Amino acid sequence: MTKPKPAAKRKHNFTASSSPGQASKTLCPSPNKVPIQLQQLLVNIFKNAFPTKFNSDLGAVIQEVKQNLFHRDFQNAFGKESSLEAYAIRWSPGRALVYLDIVCNRPELSANLLSRLDAMRRVSEQSSESCEILSSVGLPAAPVEPKSRQLTSQWPTSDPLERNVHIVCIGGGAGAEMVALAGYLRFVDSSVRTDHFSGHDEKSKPGKLNITAIDIADWSSIVNRLYSSLTTTPPVPKYASMSAQALNMPLVDLDAYEVRFLKQDVLKIEEGKMQALLTDATIVTLMFTLNELYSTSISATTNLLLSMTSILKSGSLLLVVDSPGSYSTINLGKVSAEDDSSPQKKYPMQWLLDHTLLEAATINTDQGKPQEKQWEKLYSHDSTWFRLPAELTYPITLEDMRYQIHLYRRS
């Protein structure tokens, strides 16, 4: 469902901001507090996941994918393994850095995740203490099943304890979201643990993240390779120092990160599956996906958003990121049969999204009382630039990116 947009490189600096809940109409730079070392680790995940694919044939495959996407031929764009690999290699690394930057820099997102991860860590510590008590009196603790680096394709159950902090990435098959969120877990563990988890033992870890990526194309092999790259010790350069080798470790621990991939058209998903998918979701993301869903079917996409509204619990977040401006406009209505020159009505994707969540998704109360809102808009910006650090290295060229962002909280 994803579609790359042309990204022009800009040399200007923009210094505008928006207030919470309102969309700014000025370009806003993304204040990058993510260490360059962590950003390099993220792009290395893609390089290490596809080590033999950076060859002379890659450029031609990328151009073929771009042409198919331009003509909205998604079947051919994502119908071959080589096309999926080329897409993940070319577009997912830059997007992963954008998504990591968003999660780290938006306090509404970061604070939500930190509080939930901390709560899960506390539960884990209490469970460990219980095991130690059982062991001290000679009673066996429950056995721990060995972890696997193979992702699961099974639909989630209704048990909310199974997934701890659960993030659902609609249209997330290309792997940018799962890599970004793994980077965020490392960011929390290494960069801000002393600030947010002060008073705990230095060995304490934040809670577990469970990611469900759902996409219409079969990205399972791509997600599987990226998950293995995330949870495996990366290769060390031949002449690396002993200290560098000693510090070499996986980006995330298997115990802290679990990924599930589901091949499913979300516009045709069964109600029971949707309920199981979203019933305990902490965050739902639609990254460069919502505009394509609207372009496929406005009514089905509206029903999807309303279904999400009825299932998600209070406090859950919905994060939408997409191409800015004219790249994300939706045509409504058909040209009149009597007058071929009758223009179609064009609406910004943001307007349709706000209309659905903030107006259509309301509950009628007693007569004379205001309608009960189901969503609160926390943050919105219609044009933000993310600029790649000059020090970043990658086998092929990556580009700066401009995007719109909208964040909502379920009331």
Protein backbone atom coordinates (compact mmCIF):
# COMPACT_ATOMS: atom_id res chain seq x y z
CA MET A 1 0.00 0.00 0.00
CA THR A 2 3.00 2.26 0.24
CA LYS A 3 4.04 4.57 -2.55
CA PRO A 4 7.25 6.58 -2.70
CA LYS A 5 7.04 10.26 -3.58
CA PRO A 6 9.76 12.35 -5.18
CA ALA A 7 11.87 13.98 -2.47
CA ALA A 8 13.76 17.12 -3.36
CA LYS A 9 16.85 18.10 -1.43
CA ARG A 10 16.55 21.48 0.23
CA LYS A 11 19.30 23.76 1.52
CA HIS A 12 17.19 26.19 3.50
CA ASN A 13 16.49 26.07 7.22
CA PHE A 14 12.94 26.61 8.36
CA THR A 15 12.11 27.79 11.85
CA ALA A 16 8.41 27.48 12.42
CA SER A 17 6.36 25.34 14.74
CA SER A 18 2.77 24.40 15.34
CA SER A 19 0.69 24.32 18.46
CA PRO A 20 -0.76 21.05 19.75
CA GLY A 21 -3.97 19.99 18.06
CA GLN A 22 -3.59 22.42 15.17
CA ALA A 23 -2.00 21.94 11.78
CA SER A 24 0.65 24.45 10.91
CA LYS A 25 0.89 25.73 7.36
CA THR A 26 4.62 26.46 7.52
CA LEU A 27 7.55 24.18 6.99
CA CYS A 28 8.94 22.89 10.23
CA PRO A 29 12.35 21.29 10.73
CA SER A 30 12.59 18.15 12.81
CA PRO A 31 14.81 18.80 15.86
CA ASN A 32 17.02 15.73 15.78
CA LYS A 33 18.12 14.54 19.21
CA VAL A 34 18.73 10.96 18.05
CA PRO A 35 22.46 10.18 18.19
CA ILE A 36 24.12 9.74 14.81
CA GLN A 37 25.54 6.44 16.08
CA LEU A 38 22.03 5.07 16.55
CA GLN A 39 20.90 6.31 13.15
CA GLN A 40 23.89 4.57 11.58
CA LEU A 41 22.98 1.35 13.39
CA LEU A 42 19.49 1.53 11.88
CA VAL A 43 20.62 1.88 8.26
CA ASN A 44 23.16 -0.87 8.92
CA ILE A 45 20.25 -3.17 9.76
CA PHE A 46 19.10 -2.94 6.13
CA LYS A 47 22.61 -3.29 4.76
CA ASN A 48 23.22 -6.42 6.84
CA ALA A 49 19.79 -7.90 6.05
CA PHE A 50 20.45 -7.78 2.30
CA PRO A 51 24.25 -8.08 2.01
CA THR A 52 24.31 -9.55 -1.52
CA LYS A 53 21.70 -7.27 -3.08
CA PHE A 54 23.78 -4.10 -3.48
CA ASN A 55 24.93 -5.05 -6.98
CA SER A 56 24.76 -3.69 -10.52
CA ASP A 57 21.22 -5.00 -11.00
CA LEU A 58 19.73 -3.08 -8.04
CA GLY A 59 19.35 0.26 -9.83
CA ALA A 60 17.32 -1.25 -12.67
CA VAL A 61 14.99 -3.04 -10.25
CA ILE A 62 14.48 0.17 -8.25
CA GLN A 63 13.56 2.06 -11.44
CA GLU A 64 11.10 -0.68 -12.38
CA VAL A 65 9.46 -0.47 -8.96
CA LYS A 66 9.23 3.34 -9.24
CA GLN A 67 7.56 3.10 -12.64
CA ASN A 68 5.02 0.54 -11.44
CA LEU A 69 4.20 2.66 -8.41
CA PHE A 70 3.85 5.78 -10.53
CA HIS A 71 1.23 3.96 -12.61
CA ARG A 72 -0.35 2.52 -9.43
CA ASP A 73 0.42 -1.00 -10.63
CA PHE A 74 0.87 -2.43 -7.15
CA GLN A 75 0.60 -6.03 -8.29
CA ASN A 76 3.76 -5.76 -10.39
CA ALA A 77 5.44 -3.34 -7.97
CA PHE A 78 5.19 -5.80 -5.09
CA GLY A 79 4.63 -9.07 -6.93
CA LYS A 80 8.25 -10.30 -7.02
CA GLU A 81 10.74 -10.96 -4.27
CA SER A 82 13.37 -8.86 -6.04
CA SER A 83 10.97 -5.90 -6.12
CA LEU A 84 10.20 -6.21 -2.43
CA GLU A 85 13.91 -6.36 -1.64
CA ALA A 86 14.65 -3.30 -3.79
CA TYR A 87 11.86 -1.32 -2.15
CA ALA A 88 13.03 -2.21 1.37
CA ILE A 89 16.65 -1.39 0.48
CA ARG A 90 15.87 1.93 -1.21
CA TRP A 91 13.01 3.52 0.74
CA SER A 92 12.73 1.82 4.13
CA PRO A 93 16.05 3.02 5.68
CA GLY A 94 15.22 6.73 5.25
CA ARG A 95 11.70 6.22 6.49
CA ALA A 96 12.94 4.26 9.49
CA LEU A 97 15.04 7.27 10.48
CA VAL A 98 12.04 9.57 10.04
CA TYR A 99 9.84 7.35 12.20
CA LEU A 100 12.51 7.03 14.89
CA ASP A 101 12.87 10.80 14.91
CA ILE A 102 9.11 11.22 15.30
CA VAL A 103 8.78 8.79 18.21
CA CYS A 104 11.78 10.27 20.02
CA ASN A 105 10.85 13.92 19.46
CA ARG A 106 7.08 13.91 19.89
CA PRO A 107 6.51 13.98 23.68
CA GLU A 108 2.93 12.75 23.29
CA LEU A 109 4.27 9.54 21.75
CA SER A 110 7.41 9.12 23.81
CA ALA A 111 5.73 9.75 27.14
CA ASN A 112 2.98 7.24 26.31
CA LEU A 113 5.47 4.53 25.36
CA LEU A 114 7.82 5.23 28.25
CA SER A 115 5.09 4.98 30.86
CA ARG A 116 3.80 1.71 29.42
CA LEU A 117 7.27 0.22 29.01
CA ASP A 118 8.15 1.21 32.56
CA ALA A 119 4.94 -0.39 33.86
CA MET A 120 5.76 -3.61 32.00
CA ARG A 121 9.32 -3.53 33.33
CA ARG A 122 8.00 -3.27 36.87
CA VAL A 123 5.73 -6.27 36.28
CA SER A 124 8.72 -8.19 34.90
CA GLU A 125 10.83 -7.29 37.95
CA GLN A 126 8.07 -8.44 40.30
CA SER A 127 7.81 -11.70 38.37
CA SER A 128 11.58 -12.19 38.65
CA GLU A 129 11.43 -11.53 42.39
CA SER A 130 8.65 -14.13 42.71
CA CYS A 131 10.81 -16.67 40.88
CA GLU A 132 13.71 -15.96 43.23
CA ILE A 133 11.44 -16.46 46.26
CA LEU A 134 10.18 -19.77 44.84
CA SER A 135 13.75 -20.89 44.19
CA SER A 136 14.85 -19.91 47.70
CA VAL A 137 12.26 -22.24 49.25
CA GLY A 138 12.97 -25.08 46.82
CA LEU A 139 9.96 -24.64 44.52
CA PRO A 140 10.45 -24.65 40.73
CA ALA A 141 9.57 -21.59 38.70
CA ALA A 142 7.64 -21.85 35.44
CA PRO A 143 9.90 -22.97 32.56
CA VAL A 144 10.98 -20.33 30.06
CA GLU A 145 10.51 -21.27 26.42
CA PRO A 146 13.52 -20.60 24.16
CA LYS A 147 13.10 -17.58 21.89
CA SER A 148 13.13 -17.83 18.10
CA ARG A 149 14.30 -15.32 15.51
CA GLN A 150 11.55 -16.52 13.18
CA LEU A 151 8.61 -14.14 13.14
CA THR A 152 5.09 -15.41 13.64
CA SER A 153 2.28 -15.11 11.12
CA GLN A 154 -0.48 -16.19 13.51
CA TRP A 155 -3.30 -13.80 14.30
CA PRO A 156 -3.15 -12.35 17.82
CA THR A 157 -5.33 -13.72 20.58
CA SER A 158 -7.51 -11.71 22.92
CA ASP A 159 -5.09 -12.16 25.86
CA PRO A 160 -3.82 -8.64 26.67
CA LEU A 161 -0.92 -9.98 28.76
CA GLU A 162 0.58 -11.82 25.80
CA ARG A 163 1.85 -8.78 23.95
CA ASN A 164 2.62 -6.24 26.68
CA VAL A 165 3.05 -3.02 24.68
CA HIS A 166 1.42 -3.74 21.32
CA ILE A 167 1.92 -1.52 18.25
CA VAL A 168 -0.01 -2.25 15.05
CA CYS A 169 1.59 -0.97 11.83
CA ILE A 170 -0.96 -0.93 9.01
CA GLY A 171 0.89 -0.98 5.70
CA GLY A 172 4.11 -1.76 7.58
CA GLY A 173 5.35 -4.70 5.53
CA ALA A 174 8.43 -2.93 4.14
CA GLY A 175 9.99 -2.91 7.60
CA ALA A 176 10.62 0.78 8.29
CA GLU A 177 8.30 0.85 11.30
CA MET A 178 9.67 -2.29 12.95
CA VAL A 179 13.27 -1.11 12.55
CA ALA A 180 12.43 2.38 13.85
CA LEU A 181 10.67 1.00 16.92
CA ALA A 182 13.58 -1.31 17.65
CA GLY A 183 15.79 1.76 17.43
CA TYR A 184 13.51 3.53 19.89
CA LEU A 185 13.86 0.65 22.32
CA ARG A 186 17.64 0.98 22.11
CA PHE A 187 17.31 4.77 22.48
CA VAL A 188 15.31 4.35 25.68
CA ASP A 189 17.59 1.64 27.03
CA SER A 190 20.86 3.48 26.44
CA SER A 191 20.16 7.21 26.18
CA VAL A 192 17.39 8.16 28.57
CA ARG A 193 17.12 5.27 31.00
CA THR A 194 18.79 7.25 33.77
CA ASP A 195 16.27 10.06 33.26
CA HIS A 196 13.09 8.03 33.05
CA PHE A 197 13.92 4.90 35.03
CA SER A 198 15.96 6.52 37.80
CA GLY A 199 16.13 4.68 41.06
CA HIS A 200 16.27 1.26 39.44
CA ASP A 201 19.14 -1.12 39.07
CA GLU A 202 21.40 -0.35 36.10
CA LYS A 203 20.59 -3.78 34.66
CA SER A 204 16.90 -2.91 34.45
CA LYS A 205 15.42 -3.01 30.98
CA PRO A 206 12.30 -1.34 29.65
CA GLY A 207 9.32 -3.57 28.96
CA LYS A 208 8.69 -5.65 25.89
CA LEU A 209 7.52 -4.26 22.56
CA ASN A 210 5.28 -6.38 20.36
CA ILE A 211 4.89 -5.25 16.77
CA THR A 212 2.23 -6.44 14.34
CA ALA A 213 2.87 -5.40 10.74
CA ILE A 214 -0.03 -5.93 8.39
CA ASP A 215 0.11 -5.43 4.62
CA ILE A 216 -1.68 -6.49 1.45
CA ALA A 217 1.52 -7.83 -0.18
CA ASP A 218 3.49 -10.78 1.16
CA TRP A 219 6.42 -9.10 2.90
CA SER A 220 7.03 -12.02 5.26
CA SER A 221 10.50 -12.90 3.97
CA ILE A 222 11.58 -9.22 4.12
CA VAL A 223 10.29 -8.77 7.66
CA ASN A 224 11.89 -12.05 8.69
CA ARG A 225 15.32 -10.99 7.42
CA LEU A 226 15.06 -7.59 9.08
CA TYR A 227 13.96 -9.16 12.36
CA SER A 228 16.94 -11.51 12.22
CA SER A 229 19.21 -8.55 11.51
CA LEU A 230 17.75 -6.65 14.48
CA THR A 231 18.25 -9.49 16.95
CA THR A 232 21.57 -10.92 15.70
CA THR A 233 25.05 -9.63 16.48
CA PRO A 234 26.12 -7.69 13.36
CA PRO A 235 29.29 -8.56 11.47
CA VAL A 236 32.46 -6.89 12.76
CA PRO A 237 34.92 -5.25 10.36
CA LYS A 238 38.04 -7.34 9.81
CA TYR A 239 40.39 -4.95 11.58
CA ALA A 240 38.04 -3.81 14.35
CA SER A 241 39.66 -3.23 17.72
CA MET A 242 39.09 -5.55 20.65
CA SER A 243 37.04 -2.85 22.40
CA ALA A 244 34.82 -2.42 19.32
CA GLN A 245 34.30 -6.16 19.14
CA ALA A 246 33.40 -6.26 22.82
CA LEU A 247 30.73 -3.57 22.33
CA ASN A 248 29.25 -5.27 19.28
CA MET A 249 25.76 -6.54 20.08
CA PRO A 250 22.29 -6.92 18.53
CA LEU A 251 20.23 -3.76 18.28
CA VAL A 252 17.55 -5.34 20.49
CA ASP A 253 17.22 -8.45 22.65
CA LEU A 254 14.91 -11.25 21.59
CA ASP A 255 13.27 -11.05 25.01
CA ALA A 256 12.41 -7.38 24.50
CA TYR A 257 11.11 -7.38 20.94
CA GLU A 258 8.63 -9.55 19.09
CA VAL A 259 7.34 -9.08 15.55
CA ARG A 260 4.31 -10.58 13.83
CA PHE A 261 3.55 -10.15 10.12
CA LEU A 262 0.05 -10.60 8.69
CA LYS A 263 -0.75 -10.64 4.97
CA GLN A 264 -4.17 -9.03 4.78
CA ASP A 265 -6.09 -6.38 2.87
CA VAL A 266 -7.21 -4.19 5.78
CA LEU A 267 -10.11 -2.83 3.73
CA LYS A 268 -11.54 -6.36 3.56
CA ILE A 269 -10.66 -7.62 7.00
CA GLU A 270 -13.20 -9.66 8.96
CA GLU A 271 -14.69 -8.03 12.03
CA GLY A 272 -13.43 -10.76 14.35
CA LYS A 273 -9.88 -10.46 13.07
CA MET A 274 -9.97 -6.70 13.40
CA GLN A 275 -11.18 -7.07 16.98
CA ALA A 276 -8.34 -9.46 17.83
CA LEU A 277 -5.80 -7.22 16.11
CA LEU A 278 -6.69 -3.96 17.83
CA THR A 279 -8.29 -4.86 21.15
CA ASP A 280 -5.15 -4.11 23.19
CA ALA A 281 -3.19 -1.95 20.74
CA THR A 282 -1.18 0.81 22.39
CA ILE A 283 -0.48 2.62 19.12
CA VAL A 284 -1.75 2.15 15.56
CA THR A 285 0.32 3.60 12.74
CA LEU A 286 -0.59 4.45 9.16
CA MET A 287 2.73 5.43 7.59
CA PHE A 288 2.50 6.52 3.95
CA THR A 289 -0.54 4.26 3.70
CA LEU A 290 -3.72 6.21 4.44
CA ASN A 291 -3.69 8.18 1.18
CA GLU A 292 -3.43 4.93 -0.79
CA LEU A 293 -6.30 3.44 1.20
CA TYR A 294 -8.45 6.49 0.48
CA SER A 295 -7.49 6.31 -3.20
CA THR A 296 -8.61 2.67 -3.27
CA SER A 297 -11.95 3.27 -1.55
CA ILE A 298 -13.07 6.27 0.48
CA SER A 299 -16.06 4.44 1.97
CA ALA A 300 -14.06 1.33 2.94
CA THR A 301 -11.31 3.46 4.48
CA THR A 302 -13.88 5.48 6.42
CA ASN A 303 -15.40 2.24 7.70
CA LEU A 304 -11.93 1.05 8.71
CA LEU A 305 -11.32 4.20 10.76
CA LEU A 306 -14.76 3.94 12.39
CA SER A 307 -14.15 0.28 13.19
CA MET A 308 -10.84 1.22 14.80
CA THR A 309 -12.70 3.82 16.84
CA SER A 310 -15.13 1.24 18.19
CA ILE A 311 -12.38 -1.26 19.10
CA LEU A 312 -9.45 0.78 20.42
CA LYS A 313 -9.39 1.45 24.13
CA SER A 314 -9.25 4.87 25.72
CA GLY A 315 -5.73 6.26 25.64
CA SER A 316 -4.68 4.42 22.49
CA LEU A 317 -2.88 6.54 19.91
CA LEU A 318 -3.28 6.77 16.14
CA LEU A 319 -0.26 8.09 14.24
CA VAL A 320 -0.66 9.06 10.58
CA VAL A 321 2.32 10.08 8.43
CA ASP A 322 2.02 10.67 4.70
CA SER A 323 3.25 12.74 1.78
CA PRO A 324 2.46 16.45 2.12
CA GLY A 325 0.42 18.86 0.05
CA SER A 326 -0.90 17.92 -3.37
CA TYR A 327 0.57 14.43 -3.14
CA SER A 328 -2.19 13.56 -0.65
CA THR A 329 -5.44 14.82 -2.16
CA ILE A 330 -8.45 12.62 -2.78
CA ASN A 331 -10.93 12.99 -5.64
CA LEU A 332 -14.55 12.80 -4.54
CA GLY A 333 -17.44 12.27 -6.92
CA LYS A 334 -17.51 11.33 -10.57
CA VAL A 335 -17.50 13.50 -13.63
CA SER A 336 -21.06 14.30 -14.71
CA ALA A 337 -22.35 12.18 -17.62
CA GLU A 338 -24.11 15.25 -19.04
CA ASP A 339 -21.09 17.54 -18.74
CA ASP A 340 -17.70 15.96 -19.28
CA SER A 341 -16.02 19.18 -18.16
CA SER A 342 -17.59 18.95 -14.72
CA PRO A 343 -14.63 18.98 -12.29
CA GLN A 344 -14.13 16.41 -9.59
CA LYS A 345 -14.00 17.67 -6.03
CA LYS A 346 -10.59 17.30 -4.43
CA TYR A 347 -10.14 17.06 -0.68
CA PRO A 348 -6.93 16.92 1.35
CA MET A 349 -6.39 13.58 3.05
CA GLN A 350 -6.08 15.44 6.36
CA TRP A 351 -9.57 16.93 5.95
CA LEU A 352 -11.12 13.50 5.37
CA LEU A 353 -9.25 12.07 8.35
CA ASP A 354 -10.34 14.88 10.67
CA HIS A 355 -13.91 14.70 9.41
CA THR A 356 -14.06 10.96 10.13
CA LEU A 357 -12.40 10.94 13.54
CA LEU A 358 -13.47 14.28 14.98
CA GLU A 359 -16.96 14.62 13.48
CA ALA A 360 -18.32 11.32 12.17
CA ALA A 361 -16.93 9.28 15.06
CA THR A 362 -19.05 10.89 17.75
CA ILE A 363 -21.69 9.49 20.08
CA ASN A 364 -25.09 11.12 20.37
CA THR A 365 -25.97 11.79 23.99
CA ASP A 366 -29.21 12.93 25.59
CA GLN A 367 -31.11 15.62 23.78
CA GLY A 368 -29.70 19.06 24.50
CA LYS A 369 -26.26 17.78 25.47
CA PRO A 370 -23.20 18.04 23.22
CA GLN A 371 -22.03 15.01 21.29
CA GLU A 372 -19.34 12.92 22.91
CA LYS A 373 -16.06 13.11 21.03
CA GLN A 374 -14.24 9.82 20.48
CA TRP A 375 -10.84 11.27 19.49
CA GLU A 376 -8.61 14.09 20.61
CA LYS A 377 -6.14 15.59 18.16
CA LEU A 378 -2.81 15.92 19.95
CA TYR A 379 -0.55 17.20 17.21
CA SER A 380 -0.67 18.04 13.52
CA HIS A 381 1.73 19.51 11.01
CA ASP A 382 1.18 19.64 7.28
CA SER A 383 4.81 19.89 6.17
CA THR A 384 7.90 18.80 8.09
CA TRP A 385 11.38 18.18 6.74
CA PHE A 386 13.65 15.41 7.93
CA ARG A 387 17.26 15.91 6.90
CA LEU A 388 19.73 13.06 6.86
CA PRO A 389 22.96 13.59 8.80
CA ALA A 390 25.90 14.26 6.50
CA GLU A 391 27.96 11.66 8.38
CA LEU A 392 25.54 8.84 7.59
CA THR A 393 26.92 6.11 5.30
CA TYR A 394 24.93 3.66 3.17
CA PRO A 395 25.77 1.79 -0.04
CA ILE A 396 23.22 3.75 -2.10
CA THR A 397 21.97 7.33 -1.93
CA LEU A 398 19.21 8.13 0.55
CA GLU A 399 17.21 11.37 0.44
CA ASP A 400 15.87 13.99 2.81
CA MET A 401 12.15 13.60 3.30
CA ARG A 402 9.17 15.93 3.67
CA TYR A 403 5.98 14.65 5.29
CA GLN A 404 2.75 15.56 7.04
CA ILE A 405 1.99 14.15 10.48
CA HIS A 406 -1.19 13.81 12.54
CA LEU A 407 -1.49 12.26 16.00
CA TYR A 408 -4.78 11.41 17.74
CA ARG A 409 -5.67 9.89 21.10
CA ARG A 410 -8.75 7.76 21.71
CA SER A 411 -10.91 9.50 24.32
